[in-house]
Amino acid sequence: MTMVANRVTDGGFTSGSFYHDEDFKKKLTPEGQLIGTLQTLSLFPSFLQAFSSAPYTVRVRWENGHDDVAYYIDQSPDPKFIDTLNACYKTL
């Protein structure tokens, strides 16, 4: 059996308190990773709160897939990662 990595063609982030999918500028890397950049800086605090507190949903559409797959995330990221995101935000 050969394992081949699937490429992402689209995706999104939502939570019960944050739904601004249209505000993410999406870019696909040559490796098939999707990078979403929040375009409205004033939304960052509410995004960080939604991302750091969990639960949230990451929606992915895989290459050759017809439907989106939703991944329900019920674990908060490491606090050090959140601190790093917050430090980056403060430099903008």
PDB file of N, CA and C in Angstrom:
ATOM      1  N   MET A   1       0.840  -1.170   0.000  1.00  0.00           N
ATOM      2  CA  MET A   1       0.000   0.000   0.000  1.00  0.00           C
ATOM      3  C   MET A   1       0.894   1.246   0.000  1.00  0.00           C
ATOM      4  N   THR A   2       0.638   2.154  -0.919  1.00  0.00           N
ATOM      5  CA  THR A   2       1.399   3.390  -1.013  1.00  0.00           C
ATOM      6  C   THR A   2       0.598   4.524  -0.382  1.00  0.00           C
ATOM      7  N   MET A   3       1.268   5.271   0.485  1.00  0.00           N
ATOM      8  CA  MET A   3       0.613   6.422   1.119  1.00  0.00           C
ATOM      9  C   MET A   3       0.996   7.680   0.347  1.00  0.00           C
ATOM     10  N   VAL A   4       0.021   8.426  -0.107  1.00  0.00           N
ATOM     11  CA  VAL A   4       0.256   9.657  -0.835  1.00  0.00           C
ATOM     12  C   VAL A   4      -0.453  10.779  -0.086  1.00  0.00           C
ATOM     13  N   ALA A   5       0.261  11.861   0.140  1.00  0.00           N
ATOM     14  CA  ALA A   5      -0.332  13.004   0.824  1.00  0.00           C
ATOM     15  C   ALA A   5      -1.379  13.662  -0.067  1.00  0.00           C
ATOM     16  N   ASN A   6      -2.500  13.992   0.533  1.00  0.00           N
ATOM     17  CA  ASN A   6      -3.540  14.728  -0.184  1.00  0.00           C
ATOM     18  C   ASN A   6      -3.289  16.218  -0.042  1.00  0.00           C
ATOM     19  N   ARG A   7      -3.561  16.945  -1.085  1.00  0.00           N
ATOM     20  CA  ARG A   7      -3.433  18.399  -1.049  1.00  0.00           C
ATOM     21  C   ARG A   7      -4.779  19.012  -0.680  1.00  0.00           C
ATOM     22  N   VAL A   8      -4.701  20.130  -0.011  1.00  0.00           N
ATOM     23  CA  VAL A   8      -5.894  20.886   0.356  1.00  0.00           C
ATOM     24  C   VAL A   8      -6.219  21.846  -0.780  1.00  0.00           C
ATOM     25  N   THR A   9      -7.499  22.022  -1.087  1.00  0.00           N
ATOM     26  CA  THR A   9      -7.886  23.003  -2.104  1.00  0.00           C
ATOM     27  C   THR A   9      -8.656  24.181  -1.506  1.00  0.00           C
ATOM     28  N   ASP A  10      -9.234  23.996  -0.314  1.00  0.00           N
ATOM     29  CA  ASP A  10      -9.952  25.081   0.350  1.00  0.00           C
ATOM     30  C   ASP A  10     -10.133  24.698   1.809  1.00  0.00           C
ATOM     31  N   GLY A  11     -10.482  25.663   2.616  1.00  0.00           N
ATOM     32  CA  GLY A  11     -10.709  25.387   4.025  1.00  0.00           C
ATOM     33  C   GLY A  11     -11.206  26.615   4.754  1.00  0.00           C
ATOM     34  N   GLY A  12     -11.465  26.449   6.048  1.00  0.00           N
ATOM     35  CA  GLY A  12     -11.945  27.565   6.844  1.00  0.00           C
ATOM     36  C   GLY A  12     -11.916  27.246   8.322  1.00  0.00           C
ATOM     37  N   PHE A  13     -12.098  28.278   9.122  1.00  0.00           N
ATOM     38  CA  PHE A  13     -12.090  28.183  10.577  1.00  0.00           C
ATOM     39  C   PHE A  13     -13.368  28.819  11.095  1.00  0.00           C
ATOM     40  N   THR A  14     -14.077  28.117  11.990  1.00  0.00           N
ATOM     41  CA  THR A  14     -15.261  28.693  12.622  1.00  0.00           C
ATOM     42  C   THR A  14     -15.347  28.200  14.060  1.00  0.00           C
ATOM     43  N   SER A  15     -16.028  29.000  14.854  1.00  0.00           N
ATOM     44  CA  SER A  15     -16.364  28.585  16.215  1.00  0.00           C
ATOM     45  C   SER A  15     -17.753  29.143  16.513  1.00  0.00           C
ATOM     46  N   GLY A  16     -18.245  28.838  17.692  1.00  0.00           N
ATOM     47  CA  GLY A  16     -19.556  29.354  18.066  1.00  0.00           C
ATOM     48  C   GLY A  16     -19.603  30.870  18.127  1.00  0.00           C
ATOM     49  N   SER A  17     -18.451  31.490  18.391  1.00  0.00           N
ATOM     50  CA  SER A  17     -18.410  32.950  18.540  1.00  0.00           C
ATOM     51  C   SER A  17     -17.654  33.648  17.417  1.00  0.00           C
ATOM     52  N   PHE A  18     -17.099  32.913  16.476  1.00  0.00           N
ATOM     53  CA  PHE A  18     -16.300  33.534  15.417  1.00  0.00           C
ATOM     54  C   PHE A  18     -16.612  32.872  14.083  1.00  0.00           C
ATOM     55  N   TYR A  19     -17.182  33.652  13.175  1.00  0.00           N
ATOM     56  CA  TYR A  19     -17.423  33.177  11.820  1.00  0.00           C
ATOM     57  C   TYR A  19     -17.179  34.333  10.861  1.00  0.00           C
ATOM     58  N   HIS A  20     -15.978  34.386  10.346  1.00  0.00           N
ATOM     59  CA  HIS A  20     -15.591  35.435   9.398  1.00  0.00           C
ATOM     60  C   HIS A  20     -14.770  34.817   8.273  1.00  0.00           C
ATOM     61  N   ASP A  21     -15.269  33.722   7.725  1.00  0.00           N
ATOM     62  CA  ASP A  21     -14.547  32.986   6.692  1.00  0.00           C
ATOM     63  C   ASP A  21     -14.166  33.884   5.527  1.00  0.00           C
ATOM     64  N   GLU A  22     -15.023  34.816   5.168  1.00  0.00           N
ATOM     65  CA  GLU A  22     -14.770  35.683   4.026  1.00  0.00           C
ATOM     66  C   GLU A  22     -13.633  36.672   4.288  1.00  0.00           C
ATOM     67  N   ASP A  23     -13.217  36.830   5.547  1.00  0.00           N
ATOM     68  CA  ASP A  23     -12.171  37.790   5.879  1.00  0.00           C
ATOM     69  C   ASP A  23     -10.763  37.176   5.837  1.00  0.00           C
ATOM     70  N   PHE A  24     -10.672  35.881   5.586  1.00  0.00           N
ATOM     71  CA  PHE A  24      -9.371  35.237   5.480  1.00  0.00           C
ATOM     72  C   PHE A  24      -8.912  35.245   4.025  1.00  0.00           C
ATOM     73  N   LYS A  25      -7.732  35.806   3.784  1.00  0.00           N
ATOM     74  CA  LYS A  25      -7.119  35.700   2.465  1.00  0.00           C
ATOM     75  C   LYS A  25      -6.435  34.342   2.431  1.00  0.00           C
ATOM     76  N   LYS A  26      -6.812  33.512   1.471  1.00  0.00           N
ATOM     77  CA  LYS A  26      -6.322  32.136   1.417  1.00  0.00           C
ATOM     78  C   LYS A  26      -5.281  31.980   0.319  1.00  0.00           C
ATOM     79  N   LYS A  27      -4.212  31.259   0.670  1.00  0.00           N
ATOM     80  CA  LYS A  27      -3.131  31.003  -0.281  1.00  0.00           C
ATOM     81  C   LYS A  27      -2.702  29.551  -0.137  1.00  0.00           C
ATOM     82  N   LEU A  28      -2.548  28.879  -1.269  1.00  0.00           N
ATOM     83  CA  LEU A  28      -2.051  27.505  -1.273  1.00  0.00           C
ATOM     84  C   LEU A  28      -0.548  27.524  -1.531  1.00  0.00           C
ATOM     85  N   THR A  29       0.192  26.811  -0.693  1.00  0.00           N
ATOM     86  CA  THR A  29       1.627  26.682  -0.911  1.00  0.00           C
ATOM     87  C   THR A  29       1.874  25.617  -1.986  1.00  0.00           C
ATOM     88  N   PRO A  30       3.072  25.589  -2.564  1.00  0.00           N
ATOM     89  CA  PRO A  30       3.372  24.541  -3.557  1.00  0.00           C
ATOM     90  C   PRO A  30       3.242  23.125  -2.982  1.00  0.00           C
ATOM     91  N   GLU A  31       3.382  23.009  -1.652  1.00  0.00           N
ATOM     92  CA  GLU A  31       3.270  21.693  -1.011  1.00  0.00           C
ATOM     93  C   GLU A  31       1.825  21.284  -0.759  1.00  0.00           C
ATOM     94  N   GLY A  32       0.866  22.189  -1.042  1.00  0.00           N
ATOM     95  CA  GLY A  32      -0.534  21.863  -0.854  1.00  0.00           C
ATOM     96  C   GLY A  32      -1.092  22.254   0.494  1.00  0.00           C
ATOM     97  N   GLN A  33      -0.377  23.097   1.231  1.00  0.00           N
ATOM     98  CA  GLN A  33      -0.881  23.589   2.510  1.00  0.00           C
ATOM     99  C   GLN A  33      -1.678  24.868   2.267  1.00  0.00           C
ATOM    100  N   LEU A  34      -2.724  25.041   3.033  1.00  0.00           N
ATOM    101  CA  LEU A  34      -3.551  26.243   2.932  1.00  0.00           C
ATOM    102  C   LEU A  34      -3.179  27.189   4.062  1.00  0.00           C
ATOM    103  N   ILE A  35      -2.843  28.416   3.701  1.00  0.00           N
ATOM    104  CA  ILE A  35      -2.537  29.446   4.690  1.00  0.00           C
ATOM    105  C   ILE A  35      -3.635  30.499   4.601  1.00  0.00           C
ATOM    106  N   GLY A  36      -4.282  30.769   5.717  1.00  0.00           N
ATOM    107  CA  GLY A  36      -5.315  31.794   5.773  1.00  0.00           C
ATOM    108  C   GLY A  36      -4.820  32.957   6.609  1.00  0.00           C
ATOM    109  N   THR A  37      -4.856  34.158   6.044  1.00  0.00           N
ATOM    110  CA  THR A  37      -4.406  35.359   6.738  1.00  0.00           C
ATOM    111  C   THR A  37      -5.603  36.259   6.989  1.00  0.00           C
ATOM    112  N   LEU A  38      -5.852  36.550   8.242  1.00  0.00           N
ATOM    113  CA  LEU A  38      -6.967  37.421   8.614  1.00  0.00           C
ATOM    114  C   LEU A  38      -6.686  38.829   8.104  1.00  0.00           C
ATOM    115  N   GLN A  39      -7.608  39.403   7.350  1.00  0.00           N
ATOM    116  CA  GLN A  39      -7.380  40.684   6.700  1.00  0.00           C
ATOM    117  C   GLN A  39      -7.797  41.893   7.544  1.00  0.00           C
ATOM    118  N   THR A  40      -8.705  41.717   8.465  1.00  0.00           N
ATOM    119  CA  THR A  40      -9.178  42.826   9.300  1.00  0.00           C
ATOM    120  C   THR A  40      -8.555  42.692  10.678  1.00  0.00           C
ATOM    121  N   LEU A  41      -7.595  43.554  10.959  1.00  0.00           N
ATOM    122  CA  LEU A  41      -6.824  43.465  12.193  1.00  0.00           C
ATOM    123  C   LEU A  41      -7.696  43.550  13.434  1.00  0.00           C
ATOM    124  N   SER A  42      -8.784  44.285  13.368  1.00  0.00           N
ATOM    125  CA  SER A  42      -9.654  44.436  14.540  1.00  0.00           C
ATOM    126  C   SER A  42     -10.361  43.131  14.912  1.00  0.00           C
ATOM    127  N   LEU A  43     -10.389  42.150  14.019  1.00  0.00           N
ATOM    128  CA  LEU A  43     -10.996  40.849  14.316  1.00  0.00           C
ATOM    129  C   LEU A  43     -10.035  39.912  15.054  1.00  0.00           C
ATOM    130  N   PHE A  44      -8.747  40.268  15.103  1.00  0.00           N
ATOM    131  CA  PHE A  44      -7.777  39.352  15.693  1.00  0.00           C
ATOM    132  C   PHE A  44      -8.073  38.985  17.147  1.00  0.00           C
ATOM    133  N   PRO A  45      -8.416  39.941  18.027  1.00  0.00           N
ATOM    134  CA  PRO A  45      -8.693  39.539  19.417  1.00  0.00           C
ATOM    135  C   PRO A  45      -9.813  38.499  19.536  1.00  0.00           C
ATOM    136  N   SER A  46     -10.880  38.648  18.756  1.00  0.00           N
ATOM    137  CA  SER A  46     -11.964  37.666  18.845  1.00  0.00           C
ATOM    138  C   SER A  46     -11.549  36.335  18.206  1.00  0.00           C
ATOM    139  N   PHE A  47     -10.719  36.377  17.156  1.00  0.00           N
ATOM    140  CA  PHE A  47     -10.187  35.139  16.586  1.00  0.00           C
ATOM    141  C   PHE A  47      -9.299  34.423  17.602  1.00  0.00           C
ATOM    142  N   LEU A  48      -8.412  35.163  18.255  1.00  0.00           N
ATOM    143  CA  LEU A  48      -7.506  34.552  19.220  1.00  0.00           C
ATOM    144  C   LEU A  48      -8.282  33.929  20.378  1.00  0.00           C
ATOM    145  N   GLN A  49      -9.332  34.601  20.818  1.00  0.00           N
ATOM    146  CA  GLN A  49     -10.166  34.050  21.895  1.00  0.00           C
ATOM    147  C   GLN A  49     -10.834  32.752  21.456  1.00  0.00           C
ATOM    148  N   ALA A  50     -11.378  32.739  20.245  1.00  0.00           N
ATOM    149  CA  ALA A  50     -12.042  31.531  19.734  1.00  0.00           C
ATOM    150  C   ALA A  50     -11.040  30.401  19.524  1.00  0.00           C
ATOM    151  N   PHE A  51      -9.861  30.728  18.998  1.00  0.00           N
ATOM    152  CA  PHE A  51      -8.843  29.717  18.714  1.00  0.00           C
ATOM    153  C   PHE A  51      -8.236  29.152  19.994  1.00  0.00           C
ATOM    154  N   SER A  52      -8.055  29.997  20.982  1.00  0.00           N
ATOM    155  CA  SER A  52      -7.366  29.554  22.197  1.00  0.00           C
ATOM    156  C   SER A  52      -8.276  28.862  23.197  1.00  0.00           C
ATOM    157  N   SER A  53      -9.575  29.075  23.085  1.00  0.00           N
ATOM    158  CA  SER A  53     -10.462  28.498  24.093  1.00  0.00           C
ATOM    159  C   SER A  53     -11.109  27.181  23.661  1.00  0.00           C
ATOM    160  N   ALA A  54     -11.138  26.893  22.365  1.00  0.00           N
ATOM    161  CA  ALA A  54     -11.753  25.672  21.852  1.00  0.00           C
ATOM    162  C   ALA A  54     -13.170  25.511  22.445  1.00  0.00           C
ATOM    163  N   PRO A  55     -14.064  24.795  21.890  1.00  0.00           N
ATOM    164  CA  PRO A  55     -13.922  24.054  20.645  1.00  0.00           C
ATOM    165  C   PRO A  55     -14.096  24.954  19.424  1.00  0.00           C
ATOM    166  N   TYR A  56     -13.581  24.482  18.313  1.00  0.00           N
ATOM    167  CA  TYR A  56     -13.772  25.148  17.041  1.00  0.00           C
ATOM    168  C   TYR A  56     -13.751  24.084  15.942  1.00  0.00           C
ATOM    169  N   THR A  57     -14.076  24.504  14.736  1.00  0.00           N
ATOM    170  CA  THR A  57     -14.135  23.588  13.606  1.00  0.00           C
ATOM    171  C   THR A  57     -13.215  24.079  12.501  1.00  0.00           C
ATOM    172  N   VAL A  58     -12.441  23.169  11.956  1.00  0.00           N
ATOM    173  CA  VAL A  58     -11.628  23.452  10.785  1.00  0.00           C
ATOM    174  C   VAL A  58     -12.254  22.679   9.631  1.00  0.00           C
ATOM    175  N   ARG A  59     -12.621  23.410   8.590  1.00  0.00           N
ATOM    176  CA  ARG A  59     -13.243  22.820   7.408  1.00  0.00           C
ATOM    177  C   ARG A  59     -12.183  22.678   6.324  1.00  0.00           C
ATOM    178  N   VAL A  60     -12.115  21.501   5.699  1.00  0.00           N
ATOM    179  CA  VAL A  60     -11.106  21.231   4.677  1.00  0.00           C
ATOM    180  C   VAL A  60     -11.770  20.601   3.461  1.00  0.00           C
ATOM    181  N   ARG A  61     -11.359  21.056   2.302  1.00  0.00           N
ATOM    182  CA  ARG A  61     -11.731  20.369   1.063  1.00  0.00           C
ATOM    183  C   ARG A  61     -10.435  19.823   0.477  1.00  0.00           C
ATOM    184  N   TRP A  62     -10.386  18.509   0.351  1.00  0.00           N
ATOM    185  CA  TRP A  62      -9.193  17.839  -0.151  1.00  0.00           C
ATOM    186  C   TRP A  62      -9.215  17.788  -1.663  1.00  0.00           C
ATOM    187  N   GLU A  63      -8.029  17.777  -2.259  1.00  0.00           N
ATOM    188  CA  GLU A  63      -7.904  17.626  -3.700  1.00  0.00           C
ATOM    189  C   GLU A  63      -8.659  16.370  -4.126  1.00  0.00           C
ATOM    190  N   ASN A  64      -9.367  16.453  -5.189  1.00  0.00           N
ATOM    191  CA  ASN A  64     -10.182  15.364  -5.740  1.00  0.00           C
ATOM    192  C   ASN A  64     -11.400  15.049  -4.864  1.00  0.00           C
ATOM    193  N   GLY A  65     -11.650  15.858  -3.849  1.00  0.00           N
ATOM    194  CA  GLY A  65     -12.832  15.659  -3.017  1.00  0.00           C
ATOM    195  C   GLY A  65     -13.974  16.534  -3.508  1.00  0.00           C
ATOM    196  N   HIS A  66     -15.172  16.066  -3.296  1.00  0.00           N
ATOM    197  CA  HIS A  66     -16.333  16.829  -3.743  1.00  0.00           C
ATOM    198  C   HIS A  66     -16.980  17.602  -2.603  1.00  0.00           C
ATOM    199  N   ASP A  67     -16.769  17.140  -1.391  1.00  0.00           N
ATOM    200  CA  ASP A  67     -17.389  17.766  -0.231  1.00  0.00           C
ATOM    201  C   ASP A  67     -16.327  18.200   0.769  1.00  0.00           C
ATOM    202  N   ASP A  68     -16.677  19.180   1.586  1.00  0.00           N
ATOM    203  CA  ASP A  68     -15.804  19.594   2.676  1.00  0.00           C
ATOM    204  C   ASP A  68     -15.856  18.554   3.791  1.00  0.00           C
ATOM    205  N   VAL A  69     -14.756  18.428   4.495  1.00  0.00           N
ATOM    206  CA  VAL A  69     -14.681  17.579   5.677  1.00  0.00           C
ATOM    207  C   VAL A  69     -14.476  18.515   6.863  1.00  0.00           C
ATOM    208  N   ALA A  70     -15.294  18.370   7.891  1.00  0.00           N
ATOM    209  CA  ALA A  70     -15.193  19.221   9.073  1.00  0.00           C
ATOM    210  C   ALA A  70     -14.496  18.462  10.196  1.00  0.00           C
ATOM    211  N   TYR A  71     -13.463  19.082  10.735  1.00  0.00           N
ATOM    212  CA  TYR A  71     -12.732  18.507  11.867  1.00  0.00           C
ATOM    213  C   TYR A  71     -13.071  19.325  13.104  1.00  0.00           C
ATOM    214  N   TYR A  72     -13.645  18.674  14.077  1.00  0.00           N
ATOM    215  CA  TYR A  72     -14.045  19.319  15.325  1.00  0.00           C
ATOM    216  C   TYR A  72     -12.862  19.251  16.284  1.00  0.00           C
ATOM    217  N   ILE A  73     -12.350  20.410  16.683  1.00  0.00           N
ATOM    218  CA  ILE A  73     -11.179  20.486  17.553  1.00  0.00           C
ATOM    219  C   ILE A  73     -11.648  20.874  18.955  1.00  0.00           C
ATOM    220  N   ASP A  74     -11.386  20.004  19.893  1.00  0.00           N
ATOM    221  CA  ASP A  74     -11.842  20.231  21.272  1.00  0.00           C
ATOM    222  C   ASP A  74     -10.654  20.339  22.234  1.00  0.00           C
ATOM    223  N   GLN A  75      -9.522  20.774  21.706  1.00  0.00           N
ATOM    224  CA  GLN A  75      -8.339  20.922  22.539  1.00  0.00           C
ATOM    225  C   GLN A  75      -7.698  22.266  22.238  1.00  0.00           C
ATOM    226  N   SER A  76      -7.430  23.026  23.268  1.00  0.00           N
ATOM    227  CA  SER A  76      -6.799  24.329  23.095  1.00  0.00           C
ATOM    228  C   SER A  76      -5.324  24.158  22.753  1.00  0.00           C
ATOM    229  N   PRO A  77      -4.789  25.079  21.947  1.00  0.00           N
ATOM    230  CA  PRO A  77      -3.357  25.024  21.660  1.00  0.00           C
ATOM    231  C   PRO A  77      -2.529  25.320  22.916  1.00  0.00           C
ATOM    232  N   ASP A  78      -1.263  24.972  22.854  1.00  0.00           N
ATOM    233  CA  ASP A  78      -0.335  25.242  23.937  1.00  0.00           C
ATOM    234  C   ASP A  78      -0.323  26.747  24.238  1.00  0.00           C
ATOM    235  N   PRO A  79      -0.392  27.129  25.496  1.00  0.00           N
ATOM    236  CA  PRO A  79      -0.374  28.560  25.856  1.00  0.00           C
ATOM    237  C   PRO A  79       0.838  29.318  25.303  1.00  0.00           C
ATOM    238  N   LYS A  80       1.964  28.663  25.144  1.00  0.00           N
ATOM    239  CA  LYS A  80       3.148  29.319  24.578  1.00  0.00           C
ATOM    240  C   LYS A  80       2.896  29.726  23.129  1.00  0.00           C
ATOM    241  N   PHE A  81       2.143  28.889  22.401  1.00  0.00           N
ATOM    242  CA  PHE A  81       1.807  29.213  21.022  1.00  0.00           C
ATOM    243  C   PHE A  81       0.883  30.433  20.976  1.00  0.00           C
ATOM    244  N   ILE A  82      -0.083  30.471  21.867  1.00  0.00           N
ATOM    245  CA  ILE A  82      -1.001  31.612  21.933  1.00  0.00           C
ATOM    246  C   ILE A  82      -0.228  32.877  22.285  1.00  0.00           C
ATOM    247  N   ASP A  83       0.709  32.785  23.214  1.00  0.00           N
ATOM    248  CA  ASP A  83       1.535  33.940  23.573  1.00  0.00           C
ATOM    249  C   ASP A  83       2.328  34.449  22.371  1.00  0.00           C
ATOM    250  N   THR A  84       2.828  33.522  21.564  1.00  0.00           N
ATOM    251  CA  THR A  84       3.591  33.905  20.371  1.00  0.00           C
ATOM    252  C   THR A  84       2.686  34.609  19.364  1.00  0.00           C
ATOM    253  N   LEU A  85       1.486  34.078  19.142  1.00  0.00           N
ATOM    254  CA  LEU A  85       0.535  34.743  18.241  1.00  0.00           C
ATOM    255  C   LEU A  85       0.200  36.146  18.725  1.00  0.00           C
ATOM    256  N   ASN A  86      -0.021  36.270  20.008  1.00  0.00           N
ATOM    257  CA  ASN A  86      -0.359  37.568  20.592  1.00  0.00           C
ATOM    258  C   ASN A  86       0.811  38.545  20.451  1.00  0.00           C
ATOM    259  N   ALA A  87       2.029  38.086  20.652  1.00  0.00           N
ATOM    260  CA  ALA A  87       3.213  38.943  20.487  1.00  0.00           C
ATOM    261  C   ALA A  87       3.348  39.421  19.042  1.00  0.00           C
ATOM    262  N   CYS A  88       3.065  38.531  18.078  1.00  0.00           N
ATOM    263  CA  CYS A  88       3.101  38.934  16.667  1.00  0.00           C
ATOM    264  C   CYS A  88       2.050  40.009  16.379  1.00  0.00           C
ATOM    265  N   TYR A  89       0.860  39.806  16.917  1.00  0.00           N
ATOM    266  CA  TYR A  89      -0.232  40.769  16.725  1.00  0.00           C
ATOM    267  C   TYR A  89       0.165  42.154  17.241  1.00  0.00           C
ATOM    268  N   LYS A  90       0.833  42.200  18.362  1.00  0.00           N
ATOM    269  CA  LYS A  90       1.219  43.484  18.966  1.00  0.00           C
ATOM    270  C   LYS A  90       2.268  44.228  18.154  1.00  0.00           C
ATOM    271  N   THR A  91       2.952  43.527  17.242  1.00  0.00           N
ATOM    272  CA  THR A  91       3.931  44.201  16.399  1.00  0.00           C
ATOM    273  C   THR A  91       3.295  44.802  15.140  1.00  0.00           C
ATOM    274  N   LEU A  92       2.052  44.486  14.880  1.00  0.00           N
ATOM    275  CA  LEU A  92       1.390  44.989  13.661  1.00  0.00           C
ATOM    276  C   LEU A  92       0.894  46.397  13.825  1.00  0.00           C
TER     277      LEU A  92
END
